[in-house]
Amino acid sequence: MDRILIVEDDEAIRDVERDYLEMEGFSVTCEGDGAKGLAQAMSGSFDLMLLDLMLPGLDGFSICRKVREKSDMPILIISARGEDVDKIRGLGLGADDYMEKPFSPAVLVARVKAALSRYRRLTGERKTPNEIEVSGVRINTLSRRVFVDGREVELKNREYELLLFLMLNVDTVFDKETIYERVWGMDRDGDNATVTVHINRIREKIEDDPSKPRRIETVWGAGYRYRGL
């Protein structure tokens, strides 16, 4: 049984999230305080976290950053803050997805399932090679370590998944909608800005000149591709 941690100070929202997830067979633990939520998340006892941003004790951004330093557990931010700057910051800190309040409980459950399935696929039942090397970038899929021209770089969980997807499909162009569906696991409610943010962050880490990328190309009007140089 998958274990879900909900860190949300609004009791009504927390109860809705818990009820729908428990109806789908998940084991759910709830915390309404940021500091206590962080302690729970760092315990290693959970498979996924639903995280609000505006919390007493410690804000969601700080929790996300601290959890990402120790764990690649999927993190879904659920917040009333729908400004692009908040989405970009949350995703940049390593969150796997971002949903605005109010939300559809059914879509929330679907996203939780998709995130768990994706995470399990990439970290458990592997059908990908143990190592992939294209254009000077090498990924060890067993250790989830990434090397650029022999130098190790650190990628956030979703950055790693996106780079792995592109490198497994070298020289293939994917539009933003397809990338979102294949990497984020949803075929609707996607935000194209999410893909762009992650592409730009990966470029900052693997390109010699991120402003003139030679590995992850933008194909104008079509999408992105990883070039096999």
C-alpha atoms as a PDB file:
ATOM      1  CA  MET A   1       0.000   0.000   0.000  1.00  0.00           C
ATOM      2  CA  ASP A   2       1.439   3.376  -1.034  1.00  0.00           C
ATOM      3  CA  ARG A   3       1.860   5.879   1.780  1.00  0.00           C
ATOM      4  CA  ILE A   4       0.884   9.511   1.169  1.00  0.00           C
ATOM      5  CA  LEU A   5       1.843  12.475   3.367  1.00  0.00           C
ATOM      6  CA  ILE A   6      -0.450  15.512   3.208  1.00  0.00           C
ATOM      7  CA  VAL A   7       0.984  18.769   4.558  1.00  0.00           C
ATOM      8  CA  GLU A   8      -1.943  21.192   4.498  1.00  0.00           C
ATOM      9  CA  ASP A   9      -3.200  23.596   7.187  1.00  0.00           C
ATOM     10  CA  ASP A  10      -6.742  23.960   5.826  1.00  0.00           C
ATOM     11  CA  GLU A  11      -8.651  21.189   7.564  1.00  0.00           C
ATOM     12  CA  ALA A  12     -11.469  21.062   5.005  1.00  0.00           C
ATOM     13  CA  ILE A  13      -9.086  20.679   2.060  1.00  0.00           C
ATOM     14  CA  ARG A  14      -6.975  18.211   4.002  1.00  0.00           C
ATOM     15  CA  ASP A  15     -10.019  16.064   4.730  1.00  0.00           C
ATOM     16  CA  VAL A  16     -11.119  16.041   1.076  1.00  0.00           C
ATOM     17  CA  GLU A  17      -7.648  15.000  -0.065  1.00  0.00           C
ATOM     18  CA  ARG A  18      -7.428  12.291   2.569  1.00  0.00           C
ATOM     19  CA  ASP A  19     -10.915  10.907   1.918  1.00  0.00           C
ATOM     20  CA  TYR A  20     -10.456  10.591  -1.848  1.00  0.00           C
ATOM     21  CA  LEU A  21      -7.007   9.041  -1.513  1.00  0.00           C
ATOM     22  CA  GLU A  22      -8.137   6.568   1.134  1.00  0.00           C
ATOM     23  CA  MET A  23     -11.072   5.550  -1.081  1.00  0.00           C
ATOM     24  CA  GLU A  24      -8.458   4.638  -3.711  1.00  0.00           C
ATOM     25  CA  GLY A  25      -6.603   2.422  -1.240  1.00  0.00           C
ATOM     26  CA  PHE A  26      -3.788   4.743  -0.157  1.00  0.00           C
ATOM     27  CA  SER A  27      -2.499   5.009   3.392  1.00  0.00           C
ATOM     28  CA  VAL A  28      -2.658   8.693   4.328  1.00  0.00           C
ATOM     29  CA  THR A  29      -0.998  10.743   7.089  1.00  0.00           C
ATOM     30  CA  CYS A  30      -1.848  14.416   7.571  1.00  0.00           C
ATOM     31  CA  GLU A  31       0.043  17.326   9.118  1.00  0.00           C
ATOM     32  CA  GLY A  32      -1.164  20.913   9.414  1.00  0.00           C
ATOM     33  CA  ASP A  33       2.113  22.449  10.558  1.00  0.00           C
ATOM     34  CA  GLY A  34       5.085  23.038   8.263  1.00  0.00           C
ATOM     35  CA  ALA A  35       7.828  22.042  10.685  1.00  0.00           C
ATOM     36  CA  LYS A  36       6.032  18.842  11.681  1.00  0.00           C
ATOM     37  CA  GLY A  37       5.325  18.091   8.043  1.00  0.00           C
ATOM     38  CA  LEU A  38       9.020  18.408   7.204  1.00  0.00           C
ATOM     39  CA  ALA A  39       9.941  16.046  10.035  1.00  0.00           C
ATOM     40  CA  GLN A  40       7.463  13.488   8.705  1.00  0.00           C
ATOM     41  CA  ALA A  41       8.726  13.881   5.138  1.00  0.00           C
ATOM     42  CA  MET A  42      12.339  13.403   6.210  1.00  0.00           C
ATOM     43  CA  SER A  43      11.497  10.196   8.059  1.00  0.00           C
ATOM     44  CA  GLY A  44      11.570   8.187   4.840  1.00  0.00           C
ATOM     45  CA  SER A  45       8.208   6.630   5.668  1.00  0.00           C
ATOM     46  CA  PHE A  46       6.266   7.958   2.682  1.00  0.00           C
ATOM     47  CA  ASP A  47       6.046   7.353  -1.051  1.00  0.00           C
ATOM     48  CA  LEU A  48       4.650  10.772  -2.063  1.00  0.00           C
ATOM     49  CA  MET A  49       3.879  14.145  -0.491  1.00  0.00           C
ATOM     50  CA  LEU A  50       1.070  16.624  -1.194  1.00  0.00           C
ATOM     51  CA  LEU A  51       2.374  20.008  -0.106  1.00  0.00           C
ATOM     52  CA  ASP A  52       0.683  23.345   0.489  1.00  0.00           C
ATOM     53  CA  LEU A  53       2.811  26.500   0.276  1.00  0.00           C
ATOM     54  CA  MET A  54       1.286  28.757   2.930  1.00  0.00           C
ATOM     55  CA  LEU A  55       1.798  26.877   6.187  1.00  0.00           C
ATOM     56  CA  PRO A  56       2.369  27.795   9.823  1.00  0.00           C
ATOM     57  CA  GLY A  57       5.799  26.995  11.195  1.00  0.00           C
ATOM     58  CA  LEU A  58       7.609  26.569   7.867  1.00  0.00           C
ATOM     59  CA  ASP A  59       6.508  27.470   4.342  1.00  0.00           C
ATOM     60  CA  GLY A  60       6.110  24.926   1.555  1.00  0.00           C
ATOM     61  CA  PHE A  61       9.012  26.278  -0.505  1.00  0.00           C
ATOM     62  CA  SER A  62      11.414  25.658   2.376  1.00  0.00           C
ATOM     63  CA  ILE A  63      10.001  22.180   2.931  1.00  0.00           C
ATOM     64  CA  CYS A  64      10.371  21.306  -0.741  1.00  0.00           C
ATOM     65  CA  ARG A  65      13.976  22.487  -0.827  1.00  0.00           C
ATOM     66  CA  LYS A  66      14.970  20.592   2.314  1.00  0.00           C
ATOM     67  CA  VAL A  67      13.247  17.361   1.245  1.00  0.00           C
ATOM     68  CA  ARG A  68      14.922  17.484  -2.168  1.00  0.00           C
ATOM     69  CA  GLU A  69      18.328  17.618  -0.508  1.00  0.00           C
ATOM     70  CA  LYS A  70      17.722  14.143   0.928  1.00  0.00           C
ATOM     71  CA  SER A  71      14.997  12.436  -1.084  1.00  0.00           C
ATOM     72  CA  ASP A  72      13.607  12.076  -4.604  1.00  0.00           C
ATOM     73  CA  MET A  73      10.134  11.187  -3.326  1.00  0.00           C
ATOM     74  CA  PRO A  74       7.495  12.723  -5.643  1.00  0.00           C
ATOM     75  CA  ILE A  75       6.240  16.101  -4.392  1.00  0.00           C
ATOM     76  CA  LEU A  76       2.948  17.590  -5.631  1.00  0.00           C
ATOM     77  CA  ILE A  77       2.402  21.225  -4.651  1.00  0.00           C
ATOM     78  CA  ILE A  78      -1.244  22.187  -4.166  1.00  0.00           C
ATOM     79  CA  SER A  79      -1.679  25.891  -3.554  1.00  0.00           C
ATOM     80  CA  ALA A  80      -4.028  28.833  -3.923  1.00  0.00           C
ATOM     81  CA  ARG A  81      -1.035  30.773  -5.225  1.00  0.00           C
ATOM     82  CA  GLY A  82      -1.418  30.458  -8.992  1.00  0.00           C
ATOM     83  CA  GLU A  83       1.066  33.085 -10.176  1.00  0.00           C
ATOM     84  CA  ASP A  84       3.693  31.900 -12.649  1.00  0.00           C
ATOM     85  CA  VAL A  85       6.482  33.045 -10.330  1.00  0.00           C
ATOM     86  CA  ASP A  86       5.247  30.650  -7.623  1.00  0.00           C
ATOM     87  CA  LYS A  87       4.950  27.768 -10.095  1.00  0.00           C
ATOM     88  CA  ILE A  88       8.428  28.426 -11.453  1.00  0.00           C
ATOM     89  CA  ARG A  89       9.906  28.641  -7.963  1.00  0.00           C
ATOM     90  CA  GLY A  90       8.187  25.470  -6.757  1.00  0.00           C
ATOM     91  CA  LEU A  91       9.171  23.465  -9.833  1.00  0.00           C
ATOM     92  CA  GLY A  92      12.668  24.882  -9.674  1.00  0.00           C
ATOM     93  CA  LEU A  93      13.039  23.653  -6.101  1.00  0.00           C
ATOM     94  CA  GLY A  94      12.264  20.127  -7.264  1.00  0.00           C
ATOM     95  CA  ALA A  95       8.493  19.720  -7.063  1.00  0.00           C
ATOM     96  CA  ASP A  96       7.146  17.199  -9.564  1.00  0.00           C
ATOM     97  CA  ASP A  97       3.832  18.905 -10.236  1.00  0.00           C
ATOM     98  CA  TYR A  98       1.814  21.990  -9.276  1.00  0.00           C
ATOM     99  CA  MET A  99      -1.959  22.178  -8.898  1.00  0.00           C
ATOM    100  CA  GLU A 100      -3.986  25.292  -8.135  1.00  0.00           C
ATOM    101  CA  LYS A 101      -6.840  25.473  -5.646  1.00  0.00           C
ATOM    102  CA  PRO A 102      -9.683  24.869  -6.130  1.00  0.00           C
ATOM    103  CA  PHE A 103      -8.965  21.521  -7.739  1.00  0.00           C
ATOM    104  CA  SER A 104     -10.846  18.451  -8.864  1.00  0.00           C
ATOM    105  CA  PRO A 105     -10.323  15.626  -6.336  1.00  0.00           C
ATOM    106  CA  ALA A 106     -10.545  13.097  -9.163  1.00  0.00           C
ATOM    107  CA  VAL A 107      -7.759  14.850 -11.078  1.00  0.00           C
ATOM    108  CA  LEU A 108      -5.692  15.014  -7.884  1.00  0.00           C
ATOM    109  CA  VAL A 109      -5.985  11.249  -7.424  1.00  0.00           C
ATOM    110  CA  ALA A 110      -5.076  10.701 -11.079  1.00  0.00           C
ATOM    111  CA  ARG A 111      -1.970  12.850 -10.726  1.00  0.00           C
ATOM    112  CA  VAL A 112      -0.922  11.034  -7.566  1.00  0.00           C
ATOM    113  CA  LYS A 113      -1.250   7.688  -9.326  1.00  0.00           C
ATOM    114  CA  ALA A 114       0.641   8.957 -12.363  1.00  0.00           C
ATOM    115  CA  ALA A 115       3.471  10.356 -10.234  1.00  0.00           C
ATOM    116  CA  LEU A 116       3.848   7.111  -8.287  1.00  0.00           C
ATOM    117  CA  SER A 117       3.725   5.014 -11.451  1.00  0.00           C
ATOM    118  CA  ARG A 118       6.307   7.199 -13.154  1.00  0.00           C
ATOM    119  CA  TYR A 119       8.613   7.187 -10.132  1.00  0.00           C
ATOM    120  CA  ARG A 120       8.336   3.438  -9.745  1.00  0.00           C
ATOM    121  CA  ARG A 121       8.997   2.922 -13.428  1.00  0.00           C
ATOM    122  CA  LEU A 122      12.142   5.019 -13.376  1.00  0.00           C
ATOM    123  CA  THR A 123      13.560   3.751 -10.095  1.00  0.00           C
ATOM    124  CA  GLY A 124      12.278   0.190  -9.854  1.00  0.00           C
ATOM    125  CA  GLU A 125      11.276  -2.004 -12.758  1.00  0.00           C
ATOM    126  CA  ARG A 126      13.844  -0.709 -15.249  1.00  0.00           C
ATOM    127  CA  LYS A 127      13.775  -1.578 -18.901  1.00  0.00           C
ATOM    128  CA  THR A 128      16.344   1.065 -19.789  1.00  0.00           C
ATOM    129  CA  PRO A 129      20.100   0.402 -20.109  1.00  0.00           C
ATOM    130  CA  ASN A 130      22.237   0.710 -17.003  1.00  0.00           C
ATOM    131  CA  GLU A 131      24.167   3.487 -18.727  1.00  0.00           C
ATOM    132  CA  ILE A 132      23.354   5.870 -21.558  1.00  0.00           C
ATOM    133  CA  GLU A 133      25.918   8.202 -23.140  1.00  0.00           C
ATOM    134  CA  VAL A 134      25.075  10.656 -25.915  1.00  0.00           C
ATOM    135  CA  SER A 135      26.883  13.838 -26.937  1.00  0.00           C
ATOM    136  CA  GLY A 136      29.160  13.915 -23.919  1.00  0.00           C
ATOM    137  CA  VAL A 137      26.384  13.327 -21.367  1.00  0.00           C
ATOM    138  CA  ARG A 138      26.362  10.036 -19.498  1.00  0.00           C
ATOM    139  CA  ILE A 139      23.524   8.789 -17.288  1.00  0.00           C
ATOM    140  CA  ASN A 140      23.897   5.864 -14.923  1.00  0.00           C
ATOM    141  CA  THR A 141      20.296   4.753 -14.509  1.00  0.00           C
ATOM    142  CA  LEU A 142      21.067   2.527 -11.537  1.00  0.00           C
ATOM    143  CA  SER A 143      22.544   5.315  -9.412  1.00  0.00           C
ATOM    144  CA  ARG A 144      20.601   8.134 -11.158  1.00  0.00           C
ATOM    145  CA  ARG A 145      23.887  10.025 -11.560  1.00  0.00           C
ATOM    146  CA  VAL A 146      24.550  12.342 -14.501  1.00  0.00           C
ATOM    147  CA  PHE A 147      27.955  13.262 -15.904  1.00  0.00           C
ATOM    148  CA  VAL A 148      28.765  15.953 -18.461  1.00  0.00           C
ATOM    149  CA  ASP A 149      32.167  15.512 -20.131  1.00  0.00           C
ATOM    150  CA  GLY A 150      33.209  13.437 -17.128  1.00  0.00           C
ATOM    151  CA  ARG A 151      32.018  15.974 -14.545  1.00  0.00           C
ATOM    152  CA  GLU A 152      29.080  15.030 -12.333  1.00  0.00           C
ATOM    153  CA  VAL A 153      26.124  17.410 -12.266  1.00  0.00           C
ATOM    154  CA  GLU A 154      23.166  17.339  -9.897  1.00  0.00           C
ATOM    155  CA  LEU A 155      19.669  17.263 -11.364  1.00  0.00           C
ATOM    156  CA  LYS A 156      16.373  17.517  -9.558  1.00  0.00           C
ATOM    157  CA  ASN A 157      14.137  14.480  -9.808  1.00  0.00           C
ATOM    158  CA  ARG A 158      11.967  15.773 -12.658  1.00  0.00           C
ATOM    159  CA  GLU A 159      14.956  17.271 -14.482  1.00  0.00           C
ATOM    160  CA  TYR A 160      16.540  13.819 -14.432  1.00  0.00           C
ATOM    161  CA  GLU A 161      13.381  12.155 -15.752  1.00  0.00           C
ATOM    162  CA  LEU A 162      13.046  14.690 -18.573  1.00  0.00           C
ATOM    163  CA  LEU A 163      16.695  14.398 -19.631  1.00  0.00           C
ATOM    164  CA  LEU A 164      16.494  10.602 -19.515  1.00  0.00           C
ATOM    165  CA  PHE A 165      13.371  10.632 -21.696  1.00  0.00           C
ATOM    166  CA  LEU A 166      14.994  12.865 -24.305  1.00  0.00           C
ATOM    167  CA  MET A 167      18.225  10.868 -24.361  1.00  0.00           C
ATOM    168  CA  LEU A 168      16.337   7.601 -24.777  1.00  0.00           C
ATOM    169  CA  ASN A 169      14.700   9.169 -27.838  1.00  0.00           C
ATOM    170  CA  VAL A 170      17.724  10.922 -29.327  1.00  0.00           C
ATOM    171  CA  ASP A 171      17.146  13.061 -32.446  1.00  0.00           C
ATOM    172  CA  THR A 172      13.353  12.770 -32.034  1.00  0.00           C
ATOM    173  CA  VAL A 173      11.333  15.995 -31.832  1.00  0.00           C
ATOM    174  CA  PHE A 174       8.616  16.152 -29.163  1.00  0.00           C
ATOM    175  CA  ASP A 175       6.176  19.003 -28.657  1.00  0.00           C
ATOM    176  CA  LYS A 176       5.558  20.348 -25.160  1.00  0.00           C
ATOM    177  CA  GLU A 177       2.218  18.570 -24.786  1.00  0.00           C
ATOM    178  CA  THR A 178       3.757  15.181 -25.594  1.00  0.00           C
ATOM    179  CA  ILE A 179       6.691  15.786 -23.270  1.00  0.00           C
ATOM    180  CA  TYR A 180       4.296  16.689 -20.455  1.00  0.00           C
ATOM    181  CA  GLU A 181       2.220  13.579 -21.049  1.00  0.00           C
ATOM    182  CA  ARG A 182       5.216  11.227 -21.298  1.00  0.00           C
ATOM    183  CA  VAL A 183       7.266  12.663 -18.420  1.00  0.00           C
ATOM    184  CA  TRP A 184       4.617  14.056 -16.082  1.00  0.00           C
ATOM    185  CA  GLY A 185       2.214  11.220 -16.821  1.00  0.00           C
ATOM    186  CA  MET A 186      -0.927  13.227 -17.560  1.00  0.00           C
ATOM    187  CA  ASP A 187      -2.657  13.786 -20.888  1.00  0.00           C
ATOM    188  CA  ARG A 188      -4.590  16.825 -19.732  1.00  0.00           C
ATOM    189  CA  ASP A 189      -4.364  19.818 -17.404  1.00  0.00           C
ATOM    190  CA  GLY A 190      -0.727  20.244 -18.365  1.00  0.00           C
ATOM    191  CA  ASP A 191       1.086  23.568 -18.231  1.00  0.00           C
ATOM    192  CA  ASN A 192       3.485  24.191 -21.104  1.00  0.00           C
ATOM    193  CA  ALA A 193       5.460  26.563 -18.876  1.00  0.00           C
ATOM    194  CA  THR A 194       6.391  23.552 -16.744  1.00  0.00           C
ATOM    195  CA  VAL A 195       8.221  21.924 -19.649  1.00  0.00           C
ATOM    196  CA  THR A 196       9.980  25.147 -20.626  1.00  0.00           C
ATOM    197  CA  VAL A 197      11.182  25.781 -17.070  1.00  0.00           C
ATOM    198  CA  HIS A 198      12.663  22.305 -16.773  1.00  0.00           C
ATOM    199  CA  ILE A 199      14.296  22.417 -20.214  1.00  0.00           C
ATOM    200  CA  ASN A 200      15.975  25.716 -19.317  1.00  0.00           C
ATOM    201  CA  ARG A 201      17.219  24.401 -15.984  1.00  0.00           C
ATOM    202  CA  ILE A 202      18.670  21.282 -17.586  1.00  0.00           C
ATOM    203  CA  ARG A 203      20.421  23.427 -20.196  1.00  0.00           C
ATOM    204  CA  GLU A 204      22.029  25.484 -17.440  1.00  0.00           C
ATOM    205  CA  LYS A 205      23.588  22.297 -16.112  1.00  0.00           C
ATOM    206  CA  ILE A 206      24.587  20.379 -19.248  1.00  0.00           C
ATOM    207  CA  GLU A 207      25.239  22.986 -21.935  1.00  0.00           C
ATOM    208  CA  ASP A 208      28.537  24.828 -22.419  1.00  0.00           C
ATOM    209  CA  ASP A 209      26.522  27.917 -23.360  1.00  0.00           C
ATOM    210  CA  PRO A 210      22.853  27.632 -22.280  1.00  0.00           C
ATOM    211  CA  SER A 211      21.949  30.564 -24.531  1.00  0.00           C
ATOM    212  CA  LYS A 212      23.203  28.570 -27.535  1.00  0.00           C
ATOM    213  CA  PRO A 213      22.334  24.966 -26.640  1.00  0.00           C
ATOM    214  CA  ARG A 214      23.904  22.244 -28.772  1.00  0.00           C
ATOM    215  CA  ARG A 215      22.522  19.215 -26.926  1.00  0.00           C
ATOM    216  CA  ILE A 216      18.858  20.040 -26.237  1.00  0.00           C
ATOM    217  CA  GLU A 217      17.665  21.913 -29.291  1.00  0.00           C
ATOM    218  CA  THR A 218      14.560  24.030 -29.694  1.00  0.00           C
ATOM    219  CA  VAL A 219      12.890  23.173 -32.979  1.00  0.00           C
ATOM    220  CA  TRP A 220      10.842  26.299 -33.557  1.00  0.00           C
ATOM    221  CA  GLY A 221       7.153  25.605 -33.976  1.00  0.00           C
ATOM    222  CA  ALA A 222       7.649  21.907 -33.191  1.00  0.00           C
ATOM    223  CA  GLY A 223       9.218  21.353 -29.760  1.00  0.00           C
ATOM    224  CA  TYR A 224      12.498  19.990 -28.435  1.00  0.00           C
ATOM    225  CA  ARG A 225      14.962  17.242 -29.286  1.00  0.00           C
ATOM    226  CA  TYR A 226      18.180  15.871 -27.849  1.00  0.00           C
ATOM    227  CA  ARG A 227      20.831  15.852 -30.578  1.00  0.00           C
ATOM    228  CA  GLY A 228      23.146  12.936 -31.133  1.00  0.00           C
ATOM    229  CA  LEU A 229      26.297  14.847 -32.060  1.00  0.00           C
END
